[in-house]
Amino acid sequence: MCQWVMHHDPRYYPDPFKFDPERWNAEAREARPSSLTFRLGAASRLHRRAVRVDGGALLIAMMAQQWTMRLAADQRVEPKPMITLRPKFGMRMVVSERIEQ
């Protein structure tokens, strides 16, 4: 099951695309089926491997220290929910050297 899809299901989350931290308080959690709670320990070994921070994330963090990245002007951003959440059309970025002031 895809956590992103489940957490945006209007049957369980009113206004599912709105940022609402209150949806995670104890009262709100108890009102939903327990099957909507994704515990990492209950996931398969493959899923745990997929959500771990990998070398790619570390590489991006190191690049961000020296480079500024912004979304390309014509880039469409739309989610593609799978086992992990991915951008449907990729994520083209414009990269420029960070200038310290």
C-alpha atoms as a PDB file:
ATOM      1  CA  MET A   1       0.000   0.000   0.000  1.00  0.00           C
ATOM      2  CA  CYS A   2       1.166   3.512  -0.696  1.00  0.00           C
ATOM      3  CA  GLN A   3       1.201   5.666   2.421  1.00  0.00           C
ATOM      4  CA  TRP A   4       0.810   8.892   0.431  1.00  0.00           C
ATOM      5  CA  VAL A   5      -2.350   7.615  -1.284  1.00  0.00           C
ATOM      6  CA  MET A   6      -3.851   6.427   1.993  1.00  0.00           C
ATOM      7  CA  HIS A   7      -3.053   9.719   3.750  1.00  0.00           C
ATOM      8  CA  HIS A   8      -4.816  11.682   0.992  1.00  0.00           C
ATOM      9  CA  ASP A   9      -8.003   9.620   1.002  1.00  0.00           C
ATOM     10  CA  PRO A  10     -11.012  11.915   1.675  1.00  0.00           C
ATOM     11  CA  ARG A  11     -12.863   9.021   3.343  1.00  0.00           C
ATOM     12  CA  TYR A  12     -10.474   9.292   6.286  1.00  0.00           C
ATOM     13  CA  TYR A  13      -8.959  12.781   6.065  1.00  0.00           C
ATOM     14  CA  PRO A  14     -11.239  15.803   5.539  1.00  0.00           C
ATOM     15  CA  ASP A  15      -9.614  18.205   3.072  1.00  0.00           C
ATOM     16  CA  PRO A  16      -6.776  15.702   2.511  1.00  0.00           C
ATOM     17  CA  PHE A  17      -4.430  18.057   0.627  1.00  0.00           C
ATOM     18  CA  LYS A  18      -4.505  20.778   3.289  1.00  0.00           C
ATOM     19  CA  PHE A  19      -1.648  20.950   5.784  1.00  0.00           C
ATOM     20  CA  ASP A  20      -3.351  20.063   9.063  1.00  0.00           C
ATOM     21  CA  PRO A  21      -1.126  18.875  11.931  1.00  0.00           C
ATOM     22  CA  GLU A  22      -4.245  18.276  14.045  1.00  0.00           C
ATOM     23  CA  ARG A  23      -5.065  15.215  11.944  1.00  0.00           C
ATOM     24  CA  TRP A  24      -2.324  13.403  13.874  1.00  0.00           C
ATOM     25  CA  ASN A  25      -3.521  14.175  17.408  1.00  0.00           C
ATOM     26  CA  ALA A  26      -4.675  11.247  19.567  1.00  0.00           C
ATOM     27  CA  GLU A  27      -8.398  11.907  19.112  1.00  0.00           C
ATOM     28  CA  ALA A  28      -8.161  12.065  15.306  1.00  0.00           C
ATOM     29  CA  ARG A  29      -5.982   8.920  15.140  1.00  0.00           C
ATOM     30  CA  GLU A  30      -8.437   6.955  17.284  1.00  0.00           C
ATOM     31  CA  ALA A  31     -11.312   7.933  14.959  1.00  0.00           C
ATOM     32  CA  ARG A  32      -9.613   6.254  11.957  1.00  0.00           C
ATOM     33  CA  PRO A  33      -8.991   2.562  11.282  1.00  0.00           C
ATOM     34  CA  SER A  34      -5.665   1.406  12.731  1.00  0.00           C
ATOM     35  CA  SER A  35      -4.723   0.005   9.304  1.00  0.00           C
ATOM     36  CA  LEU A  36      -4.044   3.595   8.148  1.00  0.00           C
ATOM     37  CA  THR A  37      -1.068   3.830  10.505  1.00  0.00           C
ATOM     38  CA  PHE A  38       2.141   2.779   8.777  1.00  0.00           C
ATOM     39  CA  ARG A  39       4.741   1.580  11.243  1.00  0.00           C
ATOM     40  CA  LEU A  40       8.218   1.123   9.847  1.00  0.00           C
ATOM     41  CA  GLY A  41       8.734  -2.017  11.919  1.00  0.00           C
ATOM     42  CA  ALA A  42       5.696  -3.620  10.285  1.00  0.00           C
ATOM     43  CA  ALA A  43       6.953  -2.941   6.765  1.00  0.00           C
ATOM     44  CA  SER A  44       8.667  -5.474   4.578  1.00  0.00           C
ATOM     45  CA  ARG A  45      12.426  -5.501   4.393  1.00  0.00           C
ATOM     46  CA  LEU A  46      12.202  -4.155   0.834  1.00  0.00           C
ATOM     47  CA  HIS A  47      10.108  -1.182   1.945  1.00  0.00           C
ATOM     48  CA  ARG A  48      12.477  -0.370   4.828  1.00  0.00           C
ATOM     49  CA  ARG A  49      15.345  -0.375   2.351  1.00  0.00           C
ATOM     50  CA  ALA A  50      13.413   2.007   0.073  1.00  0.00           C
ATOM     51  CA  VAL A  51      12.785   4.598   2.793  1.00  0.00           C
ATOM     52  CA  ARG A  52      16.315   4.646   4.205  1.00  0.00           C
ATOM     53  CA  VAL A  53      18.431   7.694   3.554  1.00  0.00           C
ATOM     54  CA  ASP A  54      20.829   6.667   0.815  1.00  0.00           C
ATOM     55  CA  GLY A  55      23.905   8.089  -0.860  1.00  0.00           C
ATOM     56  CA  GLY A  56      21.745  10.110  -3.285  1.00  0.00           C
ATOM     57  CA  ALA A  57      20.220  12.164  -0.468  1.00  0.00           C
ATOM     58  CA  LEU A  58      23.667  12.752   1.009  1.00  0.00           C
ATOM     59  CA  LEU A  59      24.984  13.856  -2.376  1.00  0.00           C
ATOM     60  CA  ILE A  60      22.128  16.365  -2.803  1.00  0.00           C
ATOM     61  CA  ALA A  61      22.760  17.774   0.684  1.00  0.00           C
ATOM     62  CA  MET A  62      26.440  18.268  -0.130  1.00  0.00           C
ATOM     63  CA  MET A  63      25.617  19.925  -3.473  1.00  0.00           C
ATOM     64  CA  ALA A  64      23.145  22.288  -1.805  1.00  0.00           C
ATOM     65  CA  GLN A  65      25.989  23.731   0.256  1.00  0.00           C
ATOM     66  CA  GLN A  66      27.722  25.019  -2.890  1.00  0.00           C
ATOM     67  CA  TRP A  67      24.939  25.321  -5.440  1.00  0.00           C
ATOM     68  CA  THR A  68      21.498  26.919  -5.593  1.00  0.00           C
ATOM     69  CA  MET A  69      18.782  24.835  -7.218  1.00  0.00           C
ATOM     70  CA  ARG A  70      15.415  26.033  -8.467  1.00  0.00           C
ATOM     71  CA  LEU A  71      12.677  24.336 -10.398  1.00  0.00           C
ATOM     72  CA  ALA A  72      12.923  24.736 -14.195  1.00  0.00           C
ATOM     73  CA  ALA A  73      10.332  27.250 -15.454  1.00  0.00           C
ATOM     74  CA  ASP A  74       8.384  24.738 -17.570  1.00  0.00           C
ATOM     75  CA  GLN A  75       8.583  21.852 -15.075  1.00  0.00           C
ATOM     76  CA  ARG A  76       5.218  20.357 -14.080  1.00  0.00           C
ATOM     77  CA  VAL A  77       5.092  18.986 -10.558  1.00  0.00           C
ATOM     78  CA  GLU A  78       2.631  16.175 -10.001  1.00  0.00           C
ATOM     79  CA  PRO A  79       3.010  13.241  -7.613  1.00  0.00           C
ATOM     80  CA  LYS A  80       3.251   9.654  -8.841  1.00  0.00           C
ATOM     81  CA  PRO A  81       2.367   7.513  -5.830  1.00  0.00           C
ATOM     82  CA  MET A  82       4.003   4.102  -5.959  1.00  0.00           C
ATOM     83  CA  ILE A  83       5.745   2.205  -3.152  1.00  0.00           C
ATOM     84  CA  THR A  84       7.596   5.474  -2.661  1.00  0.00           C
ATOM     85  CA  LEU A  85       6.322   8.874  -3.758  1.00  0.00           C
ATOM     86  CA  ARG A  86       7.958  10.104  -6.981  1.00  0.00           C
ATOM     87  CA  PRO A  87       7.512  13.066  -9.315  1.00  0.00           C
ATOM     88  CA  LYS A  88       5.389  11.983 -12.303  1.00  0.00           C
ATOM     89  CA  PHE A  89       7.327  14.067 -14.850  1.00  0.00           C
ATOM     90  CA  GLY A  90      10.766  13.968 -13.241  1.00  0.00           C
ATOM     91  CA  MET A  91      12.201  17.008 -11.508  1.00  0.00           C
ATOM     92  CA  ARG A  92      14.278  19.211 -13.797  1.00  0.00           C
ATOM     93  CA  MET A  93      16.197  21.867 -11.905  1.00  0.00           C
ATOM     94  CA  VAL A  94      18.289  24.881 -12.835  1.00  0.00           C
ATOM     95  CA  VAL A  95      21.558  24.821 -10.901  1.00  0.00           C
ATOM     96  CA  SER A  96      23.765  27.871 -10.287  1.00  0.00           C
ATOM     97  CA  GLU A  97      26.799  28.413  -8.105  1.00  0.00           C
ATOM     98  CA  ARG A  98      25.985  29.720  -4.643  1.00  0.00           C
ATOM     99  CA  ILE A  99      27.591  33.116  -4.080  1.00  0.00           C
ATOM    100  CA  GLU A 100      28.487  33.846  -0.465  1.00  0.00           C
ATOM    101  CA  GLN A 101      27.705  37.383   0.651  1.00  0.00           C
END
